[in-house]
Structures are given as C-alpha cells and as structure tokens.
Amino acid sequence: MADFFDSIGEKHAAFIGKQPIFFVATAAGEGRINLSPKGMDCFRVLGANRVGWLDVGGSGNETHAHLAVDGRITVMFCAFESPALILRLYGRGKAVLPQDDGWAEIAPHFTQLPGTRQIFDMTVESLQTSCGWGVPHMTLERERDTLSKYHAKATDEERLTKWAGRTQSIDGLPVRVPTAPPTVANR
C-alpha cells in the first residue's frame, strides 16, 4: 500500500542517504520520456522539501532539457536489501550551472567531481512510499570510476568546448551549457 507525505521526514532522509543508486524521470510535452539511473554519491537532501544532485557530463542532457520546458520531475529510490521499500519524490526542478546566480549557494553541499556540469535543484511537492516487495535483493559490488577517469583526462577548457556543441536534447529541445568551470567557495 502506498503512503503519501507532504515533506521529507528524518526516516525518509536516512533511507535516501543509504541508497547507492536513484532514478530520475522527466518528460516534455512532446518527444521521449527520459529515465536515467544515477550514482556516484551525488544526491543530497537539502531541506524538508528540497533536494539536489550533482550532474556529471555523460551521453546526454535530457533531464536539463525537459526541466527547462516543463519542470516536472520524479526521483525514485528503491531498497535492494531488507526491509523492502520504494520511495518516490514528486516535484519541480531546475538546472543550476556554474555561471548561474544560484551556484554559489548550492554548490558547497556537494563534492565536485571531474566533469561536473550542473546541479539539479528540486522542490519536493510530495513523497510516496510503497512496499517494494517485487524489487530483488542485490548487493553493491563497487562504484564505477570510468566516467570520473574519463573526465579527469580532459582539461576544463576541453570539456567546455565539447559541451558548447551540445545545445540540444535528442528531441531537439534547447539545453544550456556551462560557460565556466565549476567552483566552490569555502564555507
């Protein structure tokens, strides 16, 4: 049975903090629905109704494109150990790039990784938990370091040049790209 909540409670935040993977789903009015798996310890609960995750450049930027058009987003976590649980966050999000005014406020919550492209900032409108009894038991062997190694080989200038040519989603929606490397002011 599903239960709905208006905000992220302490037990929800603790559950989220233990999960090594989460899934992000977005859609625009037309085109593909995007569903992306995320890892790399990049997700943070920033408040009772606010979360964020650091995004490293990869094969596409569909989440960014969809949020710019529509803003709606669902994030899902599921337990692969006992007790079984699925937790979904529903809300609205936006991309915050290194050149944006909001970067200085949100960036210190995250460890910057090689290839950091943006941080997604989500306002949580509701939260749902459900049983998760159909999710298999699995154990995490290790994080993959392939993407970090790939980005570590490139300079900031090389990454920015590459991203400058990627201004559309796979469905042709516009995507803003970083124009400066990420920086984090000391707290």
C-alpha atoms as a PDB file:
ATOM      1  CA  MET A   1       0.000   0.000   0.000  1.00  0.00           C
ATOM      2  CA  ALA A   2       1.269   3.443  -0.872  1.00  0.00           C
ATOM      3  CA  ASP A   3       1.545   6.267   1.645  1.00  0.00           C
ATOM      4  CA  PHE A   4       1.885   9.932   0.685  1.00  0.00           C
ATOM      5  CA  PHE A   5       3.697  12.662   2.618  1.00  0.00           C
ATOM      6  CA  ASP A   6       3.986  16.430   2.174  1.00  0.00           C
ATOM      7  CA  SER A   7       7.685  16.578   3.054  1.00  0.00           C
ATOM      8  CA  ILE A   8      10.814  14.533   3.654  1.00  0.00           C
ATOM      9  CA  GLY A   9      10.963  13.249   7.229  1.00  0.00           C
ATOM     10  CA  GLU A  10      14.028  12.058   9.123  1.00  0.00           C
ATOM     11  CA  LYS A  11      13.373   8.386   8.286  1.00  0.00           C
ATOM     12  CA  HIS A  12      12.936   9.252   4.611  1.00  0.00           C
ATOM     13  CA  ALA A  13      16.178  11.250   4.581  1.00  0.00           C
ATOM     14  CA  ALA A  14      18.047   8.389   6.287  1.00  0.00           C
ATOM     15  CA  PHE A  15      16.719   5.914   3.717  1.00  0.00           C
ATOM     16  CA  ILE A  16      17.701   8.199   0.835  1.00  0.00           C
ATOM     17  CA  GLY A  17      21.185   8.654   2.278  1.00  0.00           C
ATOM     18  CA  LYS A  18      21.799   4.890   2.287  1.00  0.00           C
ATOM     19  CA  GLN A  19      20.882   4.255  -1.352  1.00  0.00           C
ATOM     20  CA  PRO A  20      23.765   3.942  -3.849  1.00  0.00           C
ATOM     21  CA  ILE A  21      21.516   4.484  -6.880  1.00  0.00           C
ATOM     22  CA  PHE A  22      18.468   6.549  -7.767  1.00  0.00           C
ATOM     23  CA  PHE A  23      16.412   7.075 -10.906  1.00  0.00           C
ATOM     24  CA  VAL A  24      15.280  10.372 -12.442  1.00  0.00           C
ATOM     25  CA  ALA A  25      12.253  10.597 -14.759  1.00  0.00           C
ATOM     26  CA  THR A  26      11.247  13.655 -16.805  1.00  0.00           C
ATOM     27  CA  ALA A  27       9.184  14.438 -19.880  1.00  0.00           C
ATOM     28  CA  ALA A  28       8.344  17.388 -22.068  1.00  0.00           C
ATOM     29  CA  GLY A  29       5.004  17.748 -23.838  1.00  0.00           C
ATOM     30  CA  GLU A  30       6.327  16.019 -26.949  1.00  0.00           C
ATOM     31  CA  GLY A  31       9.125  13.555 -27.542  1.00  0.00           C
ATOM     32  CA  ARG A  32      10.668  10.847 -25.450  1.00  0.00           C
ATOM     33  CA  ILE A  33      10.190  10.266 -21.747  1.00  0.00           C
ATOM     34  CA  ASN A  34      13.596  10.227 -20.090  1.00  0.00           C
ATOM     35  CA  LEU A  35      14.553   7.845 -17.290  1.00  0.00           C
ATOM     36  CA  SER A  36      18.130   7.987 -16.013  1.00  0.00           C
ATOM     37  CA  PRO A  37      19.957   5.956 -13.359  1.00  0.00           C
ATOM     38  CA  LYS A  38      22.310   7.971 -11.142  1.00  0.00           C
ATOM     39  CA  GLY A  39      25.012   7.025  -8.650  1.00  0.00           C
ATOM     40  CA  MET A  40      28.384   8.449  -7.570  1.00  0.00           C
ATOM     41  CA  ASP A  41      27.135   9.639  -4.140  1.00  0.00           C
ATOM     42  CA  CYS A  42      25.842  12.846  -5.694  1.00  0.00           C
ATOM     43  CA  PHE A  43      22.352  13.190  -4.107  1.00  0.00           C
ATOM     44  CA  ARG A  44      21.659  15.447  -1.115  1.00  0.00           C
ATOM     45  CA  VAL A  45      18.571  16.213   0.958  1.00  0.00           C
ATOM     46  CA  LEU A  46      18.760  19.996   1.336  1.00  0.00           C
ATOM     47  CA  GLY A  47      15.596  20.505   3.380  1.00  0.00           C
ATOM     48  CA  ALA A  48      12.170  19.082   4.135  1.00  0.00           C
ATOM     49  CA  ASN A  49      11.011  19.997   0.615  1.00  0.00           C
ATOM     50  CA  ARG A  50      14.270  20.432  -1.266  1.00  0.00           C
ATOM     51  CA  VAL A  51      16.788  18.012  -2.735  1.00  0.00           C
ATOM     52  CA  GLY A  52      19.577  18.257  -5.261  1.00  0.00           C
ATOM     53  CA  TRP A  53      22.084  16.170  -7.118  1.00  0.00           C
ATOM     54  CA  LEU A  54      25.318  16.928  -8.858  1.00  0.00           C
ATOM     55  CA  ASP A  55      25.353  16.031 -12.546  1.00  0.00           C
ATOM     56  CA  VAL A  56      28.475  14.905 -14.359  1.00  0.00           C
ATOM     57  CA  GLY A  57      28.529  15.209 -18.136  1.00  0.00           C
ATOM     58  CA  GLY A  58      27.697  11.958 -19.887  1.00  0.00           C
ATOM     59  CA  SER A  59      25.951  10.832 -23.021  1.00  0.00           C
ATOM     60  CA  GLY A  60      23.118  13.371 -22.980  1.00  0.00           C
ATOM     61  CA  ASN A  61      21.392  16.132 -21.083  1.00  0.00           C
ATOM     62  CA  GLU A  62      17.726  15.197 -21.349  1.00  0.00           C
ATOM     63  CA  THR A  63      16.861  15.996 -17.728  1.00  0.00           C
ATOM     64  CA  HIS A  64      18.054  19.562 -18.235  1.00  0.00           C
ATOM     65  CA  ALA A  65      16.080  19.975 -21.466  1.00  0.00           C
ATOM     66  CA  HIS A  66      12.856  18.588 -20.010  1.00  0.00           C
ATOM     67  CA  LEU A  67      13.072  20.670 -16.841  1.00  0.00           C
ATOM     68  CA  ALA A  68      13.630  23.833 -18.878  1.00  0.00           C
ATOM     69  CA  VAL A  69      10.453  23.125 -20.861  1.00  0.00           C
ATOM     70  CA  ASP A  70       8.172  21.672 -18.205  1.00  0.00           C
ATOM     71  CA  GLY A  71       9.837  21.482 -14.784  1.00  0.00           C
ATOM     72  CA  ARG A  72       8.092  18.275 -13.661  1.00  0.00           C
ATOM     73  CA  ILE A  73      10.297  15.526 -12.282  1.00  0.00           C
ATOM     74  CA  THR A  74      10.079  12.266 -10.348  1.00  0.00           C
ATOM     75  CA  VAL A  75      13.007  10.767  -8.461  1.00  0.00           C
ATOM     76  CA  MET A  76      12.815   7.143  -7.285  1.00  0.00           C
ATOM     77  CA  PHE A  77      14.880   5.234  -4.752  1.00  0.00           C
ATOM     78  CA  CYS A  78      14.413   1.533  -4.029  1.00  0.00           C
ATOM     79  CA  ALA A  79      15.926  -0.715  -1.397  1.00  0.00           C
ATOM     80  CA  PHE A  80      17.827  -3.703  -2.734  1.00  0.00           C
ATOM     81  CA  GLU A  81      18.228  -5.055   0.813  1.00  0.00           C
ATOM     82  CA  SER A  82      15.729  -5.578   3.614  1.00  0.00           C
ATOM     83  CA  PRO A  83      13.409  -4.079   4.519  1.00  0.00           C
ATOM     84  CA  ALA A  84      11.888  -3.611   1.072  1.00  0.00           C
ATOM     85  CA  LEU A  85      10.838  -0.056   0.205  1.00  0.00           C
ATOM     86  CA  ILE A  86      10.312   2.209  -2.792  1.00  0.00           C
ATOM     87  CA  LEU A  87      10.392   5.965  -2.225  1.00  0.00           C
ATOM     88  CA  ARG A  88       9.398   8.486  -4.896  1.00  0.00           C
ATOM     89  CA  LEU A  89       9.840  12.245  -4.791  1.00  0.00           C
ATOM     90  CA  TYR A  90       7.477  14.284  -6.990  1.00  0.00           C
ATOM     91  CA  GLY A  91       8.071  17.904  -7.748  1.00  0.00           C
ATOM     92  CA  ARG A  92       9.606  20.538  -9.936  1.00  0.00           C
ATOM     93  CA  GLY A  93      13.248  21.048 -10.725  1.00  0.00           C
ATOM     94  CA  LYS A  94      15.735  23.230 -12.488  1.00  0.00           C
ATOM     95  CA  ALA A  95      19.333  23.038 -13.594  1.00  0.00           C
ATOM     96  CA  VAL A  96      21.837  25.301 -11.864  1.00  0.00           C
ATOM     97  CA  LEU A  97      25.001  25.820 -13.921  1.00  0.00           C
ATOM     98  CA  PRO A  98      28.350  27.170 -12.687  1.00  0.00           C
ATOM     99  CA  GLN A  99      27.636  30.583 -14.253  1.00  0.00           C
ATOM    100  CA  ASP A 100      24.193  30.893 -12.612  1.00  0.00           C
ATOM    101  CA  ASP A 101      23.447  33.107  -9.620  1.00  0.00           C
ATOM    102  CA  GLY A 102      22.312  30.114  -7.534  1.00  0.00           C
ATOM    103  CA  TRP A 103      25.567  28.174  -7.971  1.00  0.00           C
ATOM    104  CA  ALA A 104      27.411  29.769  -5.034  1.00  0.00           C
ATOM    105  CA  GLU A 105      24.577  28.821  -2.671  1.00  0.00           C
ATOM    106  CA  ILE A 106      24.021  25.213  -3.758  1.00  0.00           C
ATOM    107  CA  ALA A 107      27.490  24.004  -4.836  1.00  0.00           C
ATOM    108  CA  PRO A 108      29.038  23.780  -1.316  1.00  0.00           C
ATOM    109  CA  HIS A 109      26.599  20.951  -0.485  1.00  0.00           C
ATOM    110  CA  PHE A 110      28.350  18.683  -2.994  1.00  0.00           C
ATOM    111  CA  THR A 111      31.780  17.242  -3.613  1.00  0.00           C
ATOM    112  CA  GLN A 112      32.728  18.473  -7.066  1.00  0.00           C
ATOM    113  CA  LEU A 113      33.662  15.600  -9.348  1.00  0.00           C
ATOM    114  CA  PRO A 114      35.689  15.636 -12.553  1.00  0.00           C
ATOM    115  CA  GLY A 115      33.277  16.625 -15.306  1.00  0.00           C
ATOM    116  CA  THR A 116      30.752  18.402 -13.056  1.00  0.00           C
ATOM    117  CA  ARG A 117      28.318  20.026 -15.475  1.00  0.00           C
ATOM    118  CA  GLN A 118      25.436  21.263 -13.308  1.00  0.00           C
ATOM    119  CA  ILE A 119      23.449  20.667 -10.157  1.00  0.00           C
ATOM    120  CA  PHE A 120      19.766  19.853 -10.305  1.00  0.00           C
ATOM    121  CA  ASP A 121      17.727  21.660  -7.655  1.00  0.00           C
ATOM    122  CA  MET A 122      14.317  20.099  -6.934  1.00  0.00           C
ATOM    123  CA  THR A 123      11.396  21.374  -4.902  1.00  0.00           C
ATOM    124  CA  VAL A 124       9.604  18.332  -3.494  1.00  0.00           C
ATOM    125  CA  GLU A 125       5.823  18.726  -3.650  1.00  0.00           C
ATOM    126  CA  SER A 126       5.006  15.243  -2.360  1.00  0.00           C
ATOM    127  CA  LEU A 127       6.664  11.987  -1.408  1.00  0.00           C
ATOM    128  CA  GLN A 128       5.310   8.457  -1.778  1.00  0.00           C
ATOM    129  CA  THR A 129       6.472   5.227  -0.187  1.00  0.00           C
ATOM    130  CA  SER A 130       5.347   1.780  -1.272  1.00  0.00           C
ATOM    131  CA  CYS A 131       6.197  -1.820  -0.406  1.00  0.00           C
ATOM    132  CA  GLY A 132       8.923  -2.686  -2.911  1.00  0.00           C
ATOM    133  CA  TRP A 133       8.246  -6.393  -2.483  1.00  0.00           C
ATOM    134  CA  GLY A 134       8.872  -7.018  -6.185  1.00  0.00           C
ATOM    135  CA  VAL A 135      12.389  -5.492  -6.118  1.00  0.00           C
ATOM    136  CA  PRO A 136      15.142  -8.150  -5.969  1.00  0.00           C
ATOM    137  CA  HIS A 137      17.794  -8.387  -3.257  1.00  0.00           C
ATOM    138  CA  MET A 138      21.130  -7.202  -4.625  1.00  0.00           C
ATOM    139  CA  THR A 139      24.412  -6.013  -3.174  1.00  0.00           C
ATOM    140  CA  LEU A 140      26.649  -3.212  -4.362  1.00  0.00           C
ATOM    141  CA  GLU A 141      29.979  -4.563  -5.521  1.00  0.00           C
ATOM    142  CA  ARG A 142      31.600  -1.172  -6.105  1.00  0.00           C
ATOM    143  CA  GLU A 143      31.081   2.189  -7.777  1.00  0.00           C
ATOM    144  CA  ARG A 144      32.267   2.531 -11.354  1.00  0.00           C
ATOM    145  CA  ASP A 145      35.081   5.035 -11.790  1.00  0.00           C
ATOM    146  CA  THR A 146      35.058   5.056 -15.606  1.00  0.00           C
ATOM    147  CA  LEU A 147      33.263   8.396 -16.012  1.00  0.00           C
ATOM    148  CA  SER A 148      35.458  10.140 -13.433  1.00  0.00           C
ATOM    149  CA  LYS A 149      38.608   8.777 -15.093  1.00  0.00           C
ATOM    150  CA  TYR A 150      37.336   9.901 -18.495  1.00  0.00           C
ATOM    151  CA  HIS A 151      36.706  13.459 -17.292  1.00  0.00           C
ATOM    152  CA  ALA A 152      39.970  13.601 -15.313  1.00  0.00           C
ATOM    153  CA  LYS A 153      41.881  13.205 -18.586  1.00  0.00           C
ATOM    154  CA  ALA A 154      40.344  16.375 -20.050  1.00  0.00           C
ATOM    155  CA  THR A 155      41.023  19.966 -19.100  1.00  0.00           C
ATOM    156  CA  ASP A 156      38.222  22.353 -18.133  1.00  0.00           C
ATOM    157  CA  GLU A 157      38.729  24.087 -21.485  1.00  0.00           C
ATOM    158  CA  GLU A 158      38.343  20.811 -23.413  1.00  0.00           C
ATOM    159  CA  ARG A 159      35.158  19.906 -21.530  1.00  0.00           C
ATOM    160  CA  LEU A 160      33.633  23.363 -22.009  1.00  0.00           C
ATOM    161  CA  THR A 161      34.447  23.266 -25.727  1.00  0.00           C
ATOM    162  CA  LYS A 162      32.826  19.850 -26.095  1.00  0.00           C
ATOM    163  CA  TRP A 163      29.708  20.893 -24.150  1.00  0.00           C
ATOM    164  CA  ALA A 164      29.425  24.115 -26.198  1.00  0.00           C
ATOM    165  CA  GLY A 165      28.492  21.937 -29.169  1.00  0.00           C
ATOM    166  CA  ARG A 166      25.791  20.064 -27.290  1.00  0.00           C
ATOM    167  CA  THR A 167      22.988  22.606 -27.101  1.00  0.00           C
ATOM    168  CA  GLN A 168      20.074  20.324 -27.957  1.00  0.00           C
ATOM    169  CA  SER A 169      18.460  17.250 -26.463  1.00  0.00           C
ATOM    170  CA  ILE A 170      17.890  14.137 -28.543  1.00  0.00           C
ATOM    171  CA  ASP A 171      14.437  15.530 -29.384  1.00  0.00           C
ATOM    172  CA  GLY A 172      15.848  18.926 -30.390  1.00  0.00           C
ATOM    173  CA  LEU A 173      14.951  20.811 -27.193  1.00  0.00           C
ATOM    174  CA  PRO A 174      17.367  23.575 -26.174  1.00  0.00           C
ATOM    175  CA  VAL A 175      19.944  22.899 -23.471  1.00  0.00           C
ATOM    176  CA  ARG A 176      22.050  25.499 -21.668  1.00  0.00           C
ATOM    177  CA  VAL A 177      25.675  24.500 -21.233  1.00  0.00           C
ATOM    178  CA  PRO A 178      28.313  25.562 -18.723  1.00  0.00           C
ATOM    179  CA  THR A 179      30.371  28.543 -19.839  1.00  0.00           C
ATOM    180  CA  ALA A 180      32.762  28.366 -16.890  1.00  0.00           C
ATOM    181  CA  PRO A 181      34.269  25.528 -14.871  1.00  0.00           C
ATOM    182  CA  PRO A 182      32.578  24.741 -11.566  1.00  0.00           C
ATOM    183  CA  THR A 183      33.948  26.432  -8.483  1.00  0.00           C
ATOM    184  CA  VAL A 184      33.005  26.128  -4.844  1.00  0.00           C
ATOM    185  CA  ALA A 185      33.529  28.950  -2.379  1.00  0.00           C
ATOM    186  CA  ASN A 186      34.808  27.916   1.020  1.00  0.00           C
ATOM    187  CA  ARG A 187      32.082  27.701   3.627  1.00  0.00           C
END
